[in-house]
Amino acid sequence: PTEGGGKKKERKHANHVGSLTFHEFK
């Protein structure tokens, strides 16, 4: 996601491969 001015939010943890907050576990 981007913050104000179109600047991308920096990922704090380099060893995390991404967020899947809304992933559906079935």
PDB file of all heavy atoms in Angstrom:
ATOM      1  N   PRO A   1       0.818  -1.206   0.000  1.00  0.00           N
ATOM      2  CA  PRO A   1       0.000   0.000   0.000  1.00  0.00           C
ATOM      3  C   PRO A   1       0.849   1.252   0.000  1.00  0.00           C
ATOM      4  O   PRO A   1       2.015   1.221   0.375  1.00  0.00           O
ATOM      5  CB  PRO A   1      -0.790  -0.138   1.314  1.00  0.00           C
ATOM      6  CG  PRO A   1       0.057  -0.999   2.171  1.00  0.00           C
ATOM      7  CD  PRO A   1       0.729  -1.957   1.247  1.00  0.00           C
ATOM      8  N   THR A   2       0.277   2.356  -0.426  1.00  0.00           N
ATOM      9  CA  THR A   2       1.005   3.612  -0.440  1.00  0.00           C
ATOM     10  C   THR A   2       0.460   4.555   0.592  1.00  0.00           C
ATOM     11  O   THR A   2      -0.689   4.471   1.000  1.00  0.00           O
ATOM     12  CB  THR A   2       0.908   4.271  -1.831  1.00  0.00           C
ATOM     13  OG1 THR A   2      -0.468   4.494  -2.124  1.00  0.00           O
ATOM     14  CG2 THR A   2       1.522   3.379  -2.899  1.00  0.00           C
ATOM     15  N   GLU A   3       1.304   5.457   1.032  1.00  0.00           N
ATOM     16  CA  GLU A   3       0.899   6.482   1.978  1.00  0.00           C
ATOM     17  C   GLU A   3       0.758   7.792   1.209  1.00  0.00           C
ATOM     18  O   GLU A   3       0.903   7.836  -0.018  1.00  0.00           O
ATOM     19  CB  GLU A   3       1.954   6.595   3.086  1.00  0.00           C
ATOM     20  CG  GLU A   3       2.049   5.320   3.923  1.00  0.00           C
ATOM     21  CD  GLU A   3       3.111   5.428   4.999  1.00  0.00           C
ATOM     22  OE1 GLU A   3       4.124   6.102   4.753  1.00  0.00           O
ATOM     23  OE2 GLU A   3       2.923   4.860   6.059  1.00  0.00           O
ATOM     24  N   GLY A   4       0.500   8.889   1.914  1.00  0.00           N
ATOM     25  CA  GLY A   4       0.296  10.180   1.276  1.00  0.00           C
ATOM     26  C   GLY A   4       1.387  10.531   0.290  1.00  0.00           C
ATOM     27  O   GLY A   4       2.564  10.279   0.517  1.00  0.00           O
ATOM     28  N   GLY A   5       0.983  11.110  -0.849  1.00  0.00           N
ATOM     29  CA  GLY A   5       1.947  11.510  -1.860  1.00  0.00           C
ATOM     30  C   GLY A   5       2.401  10.358  -2.735  1.00  0.00           C
ATOM     31  O   GLY A   5       3.338  10.498  -3.504  1.00  0.00           O
ATOM     32  N   GLY A   6       1.777   9.176  -2.598  1.00  0.00           N
ATOM     33  CA  GLY A   6       2.139   8.050  -3.449  1.00  0.00           C
ATOM     34  C   GLY A   6       3.380   7.314  -3.001  1.00  0.00           C
ATOM     35  O   GLY A   6       3.841   6.407  -3.667  1.00  0.00           O
ATOM     36  N   LYS A   7       3.956   7.691  -1.891  1.00  0.00           N
ATOM     37  CA  LYS A   7       5.160   7.031  -1.399  1.00  0.00           C
ATOM     38  C   LYS A   7       4.809   5.676  -0.803  1.00  0.00           C
ATOM     39  O   LYS A   7       3.909   5.560   0.005  1.00  0.00           O
ATOM     40  CB  LYS A   7       5.827   7.904  -0.337  1.00  0.00           C
ATOM     41  CG  LYS A   7       7.135   7.322   0.190  1.00  0.00           C
ATOM     42  CD  LYS A   7       7.754   8.244   1.236  1.00  0.00           C
ATOM     43  CE  LYS A   7       9.040   7.669   1.778  1.00  0.00           C
ATOM     44  NZ  LYS A   7       9.642   8.541   2.816  1.00  0.00           N
ATOM     45  N   LYS A   8       5.525   4.638  -1.242  1.00  0.00           N
ATOM     46  CA  LYS A   8       5.248   3.304  -0.743  1.00  0.00           C
ATOM     47  C   LYS A   8       5.675   3.170   0.710  1.00  0.00           C
ATOM     48  O   LYS A   8       6.714   3.680   1.110  1.00  0.00           O
ATOM     49  CB  LYS A   8       5.983   2.261  -1.590  1.00  0.00           C
ATOM     50  CG  LYS A   8       5.390   2.068  -2.973  1.00  0.00           C
ATOM     51  CD  LYS A   8       6.093   0.924  -3.687  1.00  0.00           C
ATOM     52  CE  LYS A   8       5.436   0.642  -5.031  1.00  0.00           C
ATOM     53  NZ  LYS A   8       5.569   1.737  -5.961  1.00  0.00           N
ATOM     54  N   LYS A   9       4.856   2.462   1.473  1.00  0.00           N
ATOM     55  CA  LYS A   9       5.194   2.199   2.859  1.00  0.00           C
ATOM     56  C   LYS A   9       6.320   1.176   2.913  1.00  0.00           C
ATOM     57  O   LYS A   9       6.227   0.100   2.321  1.00  0.00           O
ATOM     58  CB  LYS A   9       3.964   1.662   3.599  1.00  0.00           C
ATOM     59  CG  LYS A   9       4.186   1.470   5.089  1.00  0.00           C
ATOM     60  CD  LYS A   9       2.905   1.000   5.760  1.00  0.00           C
ATOM     61  CE  LYS A   9       3.108   0.802   7.250  1.00  0.00           C
ATOM     62  NZ  LYS A   9       1.855   0.336   7.889  1.00  0.00           N
ATOM     63  N   GLU A  10       7.394   1.507   3.572  1.00  0.00           N
ATOM     64  CA  GLU A  10       8.533   0.609   3.637  1.00  0.00           C
ATOM     65  C   GLU A  10       8.219  -0.591   4.519  1.00  0.00           C
ATOM     66  O   GLU A  10       7.609  -0.468   5.572  1.00  0.00           O
ATOM     67  CB  GLU A  10       9.763   1.350   4.197  1.00  0.00           C
ATOM     68  CG  GLU A  10      10.272   2.443   3.269  1.00  0.00           C
ATOM     69  CD  GLU A  10      11.518   3.113   3.816  1.00  0.00           C
ATOM     70  OE1 GLU A  10      11.989   2.670   4.885  1.00  0.00           O
ATOM     71  OE2 GLU A  10      12.007   4.066   3.210  1.00  0.00           O
ATOM     72  N   ARG A  11       8.659  -1.755   4.064  1.00  0.00           N
ATOM     73  CA  ARG A  11       8.477  -2.959   4.855  1.00  0.00           C
ATOM     74  C   ARG A  11       9.507  -2.988   5.978  1.00  0.00           C
ATOM     75  O   ARG A  11      10.700  -2.884   5.742  1.00  0.00           O
ATOM     76  CB  ARG A  11       8.625  -4.201   3.968  1.00  0.00           C
ATOM     77  CG  ARG A  11       8.344  -5.497   4.698  1.00  0.00           C
ATOM     78  CD  ARG A  11       8.497  -6.689   3.782  1.00  0.00           C
ATOM     79  NE  ARG A  11       7.523  -6.641   2.704  1.00  0.00           N
ATOM     80  CZ  ARG A  11       7.601  -7.409   1.632  1.00  0.00           C
ATOM     81  NH1 ARG A  11       8.599  -8.237   1.475  1.00  0.00           N
ATOM     82  NH2 ARG A  11       6.675  -7.319   0.699  1.00  0.00           N
ATOM     83  N   LYS A  12       9.053  -3.111   7.177  1.00  0.00           N
ATOM     84  CA  LYS A  12       9.948  -3.050   8.333  1.00  0.00           C
ATOM     85  C   LYS A  12      10.801  -4.300   8.441  1.00  0.00           C
ATOM     86  O   LYS A  12      11.961  -4.244   8.810  1.00  0.00           O
ATOM     87  CB  LYS A  12       9.115  -2.861   9.608  1.00  0.00           C
ATOM     88  CG  LYS A  12       9.945  -2.756  10.877  1.00  0.00           C
ATOM     89  CD  LYS A  12       9.039  -2.524  12.077  1.00  0.00           C
ATOM     90  CE  LYS A  12       9.842  -2.454  13.365  1.00  0.00           C
ATOM     91  NZ  LYS A  12       8.971  -2.261  14.545  1.00  0.00           N
ATOM     92  N   HIS A  13      10.212  -5.445   8.116  1.00  0.00           N
ATOM     93  CA  HIS A  13      10.918  -6.706   8.312  1.00  0.00           C
ATOM     94  C   HIS A  13      11.266  -7.325   6.961  1.00  0.00           C
ATOM     95  O   HIS A  13      10.415  -7.819   6.252  1.00  0.00           O
ATOM     96  CB  HIS A  13      10.046  -7.669   9.122  1.00  0.00           C
ATOM     97  CG  HIS A  13       9.718  -7.151  10.483  1.00  0.00           C
ATOM     98  ND1 HIS A  13      10.637  -7.107  11.497  1.00  0.00           N
ATOM     99  CD2 HIS A  13       8.576  -6.634  10.991  1.00  0.00           C
ATOM    100  CE1 HIS A  13      10.066  -6.607  12.583  1.00  0.00           C
ATOM    101  NE2 HIS A  13       8.819  -6.307  12.295  1.00  0.00           N
ATOM    102  N   ALA A  14      12.545  -7.325   6.639  1.00  0.00           N
ATOM    103  CA  ALA A  14      13.004  -7.820   5.348  1.00  0.00           C
ATOM    104  C   ALA A  14      12.797  -9.324   5.195  1.00  0.00           C
ATOM    105  O   ALA A  14      12.703  -9.832   4.085  1.00  0.00           O
ATOM    106  CB  ALA A  14      14.487  -7.489   5.167  1.00  0.00           C
ATOM    107  N   ASN A  15      12.747 -10.051   6.318  1.00  0.00           N
ATOM    108  CA  ASN A  15      12.617 -11.512   6.232  1.00  0.00           C
ATOM    109  C   ASN A  15      11.170 -11.981   6.283  1.00  0.00           C
ATOM    110  O   ASN A  15      10.889 -13.144   6.492  1.00  0.00           O
ATOM    111  CB  ASN A  15      13.428 -12.200   7.331  1.00  0.00           C
ATOM    112  CG  ASN A  15      12.960 -11.827   8.734  1.00  0.00           C
ATOM    113  OD1 ASN A  15      12.031 -11.043   8.879  1.00  0.00           O
ATOM    114  ND2 ASN A  15      13.602 -12.380   9.741  1.00  0.00           N
ATOM    115  N   HIS A  16      10.247 -11.037   6.084  1.00  0.00           N
ATOM    116  CA  HIS A  16       8.829 -11.399   5.987  1.00  0.00           C
ATOM    117  C   HIS A  16       8.419 -11.253   4.536  1.00  0.00           C
ATOM    118  O   HIS A  16       8.640 -10.216   3.930  1.00  0.00           O
ATOM    119  CB  HIS A  16       7.979 -10.479   6.869  1.00  0.00           C
ATOM    120  CG  HIS A  16       6.537 -10.873   6.911  1.00  0.00           C
ATOM    121  ND1 HIS A  16       5.524  -9.984   6.665  1.00  0.00           N
ATOM    122  CD2 HIS A  16       5.938 -12.062   7.150  1.00  0.00           C
ATOM    123  CE1 HIS A  16       4.357 -10.603   6.770  1.00  0.00           C
ATOM    124  NE2 HIS A  16       4.580 -11.862   7.051  1.00  0.00           N
ATOM    125  N   VAL A  17       7.811 -12.295   3.960  1.00  0.00           N
ATOM    126  CA  VAL A  17       7.583 -12.291   2.517  1.00  0.00           C
ATOM    127  C   VAL A  17       6.276 -11.635   2.092  1.00  0.00           C
ATOM    128  O   VAL A  17       5.919 -11.664   0.931  1.00  0.00           O
ATOM    129  CB  VAL A  17       7.652 -13.726   1.952  1.00  0.00           C
ATOM    130  CG1 VAL A  17       9.033 -14.293   2.130  1.00  0.00           C
ATOM    131  CG2 VAL A  17       6.618 -14.622   2.605  1.00  0.00           C
ATOM    132  N   GLY A  18       5.559 -11.039   3.038  1.00  0.00           N
ATOM    133  CA  GLY A  18       4.351 -10.312   2.665  1.00  0.00           C
ATOM    134  C   GLY A  18       3.181 -10.594   3.577  1.00  0.00           C
ATOM    135  O   GLY A  18       3.153 -11.583   4.277  1.00  0.00           O
ATOM    136  N   SER A  19       2.211  -9.702   3.577  1.00  0.00           N
ATOM    137  CA  SER A  19       1.033  -9.847   4.424  1.00  0.00           C
ATOM    138  C   SER A  19      -0.111 -10.495   3.656  1.00  0.00           C
ATOM    139  O   SER A  19      -0.350 -10.182   2.503  1.00  0.00           O
ATOM    140  CB  SER A  19       0.590  -8.474   4.935  1.00  0.00           C
ATOM    141  OG  SER A  19      -0.658  -8.568   5.570  1.00  0.00           O
ATOM    142  N   LEU A  20      -0.792 -11.426   4.298  1.00  0.00           N
ATOM    143  CA  LEU A  20      -1.956 -12.081   3.705  1.00  0.00           C
ATOM    144  C   LEU A  20      -3.131 -11.940   4.673  1.00  0.00           C
ATOM    145  O   LEU A  20      -3.815 -12.906   4.995  1.00  0.00           O
ATOM    146  CB  LEU A  20      -1.665 -13.564   3.439  1.00  0.00           C
ATOM    147  CG  LEU A  20      -0.601 -13.863   2.387  1.00  0.00           C
ATOM    148  CD1 LEU A  20      -0.207 -15.332   2.437  1.00  0.00           C
ATOM    149  CD2 LEU A  20      -1.112 -13.526   1.000  1.00  0.00           C
ATOM    150  N   THR A  21      -3.355 -10.725   5.122  1.00  0.00           N
ATOM    151  CA  THR A  21      -4.340 -10.470   6.170  1.00  0.00           C
ATOM    152  C   THR A  21      -5.695 -11.075   5.854  1.00  0.00           C
ATOM    153  O   THR A  21      -6.353 -11.625   6.734  1.00  0.00           O
ATOM    154  CB  THR A  21      -4.495  -8.953   6.390  1.00  0.00           C
ATOM    155  OG1 THR A  21      -3.204  -8.395   6.629  1.00  0.00           O
ATOM    156  CG2 THR A  21      -5.404  -8.672   7.571  1.00  0.00           C
ATOM    157  N   PHE A  22      -6.112 -10.992   4.605  1.00  0.00           N
ATOM    158  CA  PHE A  22      -7.451 -11.434   4.252  1.00  0.00           C
ATOM    159  C   PHE A  22      -7.464 -12.806   3.577  1.00  0.00           C
ATOM    160  O   PHE A  22      -8.442 -13.180   2.950  1.00  0.00           O
ATOM    161  CB  PHE A  22      -8.115 -10.386   3.346  1.00  0.00           C
ATOM    162  CG  PHE A  22      -8.233  -9.046   4.006  1.00  0.00           C
ATOM    163  CD1 PHE A  22      -7.415  -7.999   3.642  1.00  0.00           C
ATOM    164  CD2 PHE A  22      -9.145  -8.853   5.027  1.00  0.00           C
ATOM    165  CE1 PHE A  22      -7.519  -6.767   4.268  1.00  0.00           C
ATOM    166  CE2 PHE A  22      -9.265  -7.614   5.660  1.00  0.00           C
ATOM    167  CZ  PHE A  22      -8.439  -6.581   5.272  1.00  0.00           C
ATOM    168  N   HIS A  23      -6.382 -13.535   3.710  1.00  0.00           N
ATOM    169  CA  HIS A  23      -6.352 -14.875   3.119  1.00  0.00           C
ATOM    170  C   HIS A  23      -7.420 -15.758   3.762  1.00  0.00           C
ATOM    171  O   HIS A  23      -7.595 -15.754   4.979  1.00  0.00           O
ATOM    172  CB  HIS A  23      -4.978 -15.511   3.315  1.00  0.00           C
ATOM    173  CG  HIS A  23      -4.870 -16.879   2.708  1.00  0.00           C
ATOM    174  ND1 HIS A  23      -4.655 -17.076   1.373  1.00  0.00           N
ATOM    175  CD2 HIS A  23      -4.969 -18.113   3.262  1.00  0.00           C
ATOM    176  CE1 HIS A  23      -4.616 -18.365   1.119  1.00  0.00           C
ATOM    177  NE2 HIS A  23      -4.803 -19.025   2.248  1.00  0.00           N
ATOM    178  N   GLU A  24      -8.124 -16.511   2.936  1.00  0.00           N
ATOM    179  CA  GLU A  24      -9.181 -17.385   3.444  1.00  0.00           C
ATOM    180  C   GLU A  24      -8.644 -18.800   3.665  1.00  0.00           C
ATOM    181  O   GLU A  24      -8.157 -19.436   2.730  1.00  0.00           O
ATOM    182  CB  GLU A  24     -10.347 -17.438   2.452  1.00  0.00           C
ATOM    183  CG  GLU A  24     -11.513 -18.280   2.952  1.00  0.00           C
ATOM    184  CD  GLU A  24     -12.655 -18.357   1.965  1.00  0.00           C
ATOM    185  OE1 GLU A  24     -12.539 -17.739   0.875  1.00  0.00           O
ATOM    186  OE2 GLU A  24     -13.663 -19.032   2.264  1.00  0.00           O
ATOM    187  N   PHE A  25      -8.729 -19.258   4.894  1.00  0.00           N
ATOM    188  CA  PHE A  25      -8.325 -20.625   5.225  1.00  0.00           C
ATOM    189  C   PHE A  25      -9.578 -21.498   5.201  1.00  0.00           C
ATOM    190  O   PHE A  25     -10.565 -21.208   5.871  1.00  0.00           O
ATOM    191  CB  PHE A  25      -7.645 -20.662   6.594  1.00  0.00           C
ATOM    192  CG  PHE A  25      -6.375 -19.859   6.632  1.00  0.00           C
ATOM    193  CD1 PHE A  25      -6.376 -18.544   7.087  1.00  0.00           C
ATOM    194  CD2 PHE A  25      -5.187 -20.400   6.184  1.00  0.00           C
ATOM    195  CE1 PHE A  25      -5.204 -17.796   7.106  1.00  0.00           C
ATOM    196  CE2 PHE A  25      -4.007 -19.653   6.196  1.00  0.00           C
ATOM    197  CZ  PHE A  25      -4.015 -18.357   6.660  1.00  0.00           C
ATOM    198  N   LYS A  26      -9.532 -22.581   4.436  1.00  0.00           N
ATOM    199  CA  LYS A  26     -10.758 -23.298   4.100  1.00  0.00           C
ATOM    200  C   LYS A  26     -10.894 -24.684   4.729  1.00  0.00           C
ATOM    201  O   LYS A  26     -11.912 -25.347   4.529  1.00  0.00           O
ATOM    202  CB  LYS A  26     -10.860 -23.428   2.576  1.00  0.00           C
ATOM    203  CG  LYS A  26     -10.886 -22.091   1.851  1.00  0.00           C
ATOM    204  CD  LYS A  26     -10.963 -22.287   0.346  1.00  0.00           C
ATOM    205  CE  LYS A  26     -10.990 -20.956  -0.384  1.00  0.00           C
ATOM    206  NZ  LYS A  26     -11.061 -21.138  -1.861  1.00  0.00           N
TER     207      LYS A  26
END
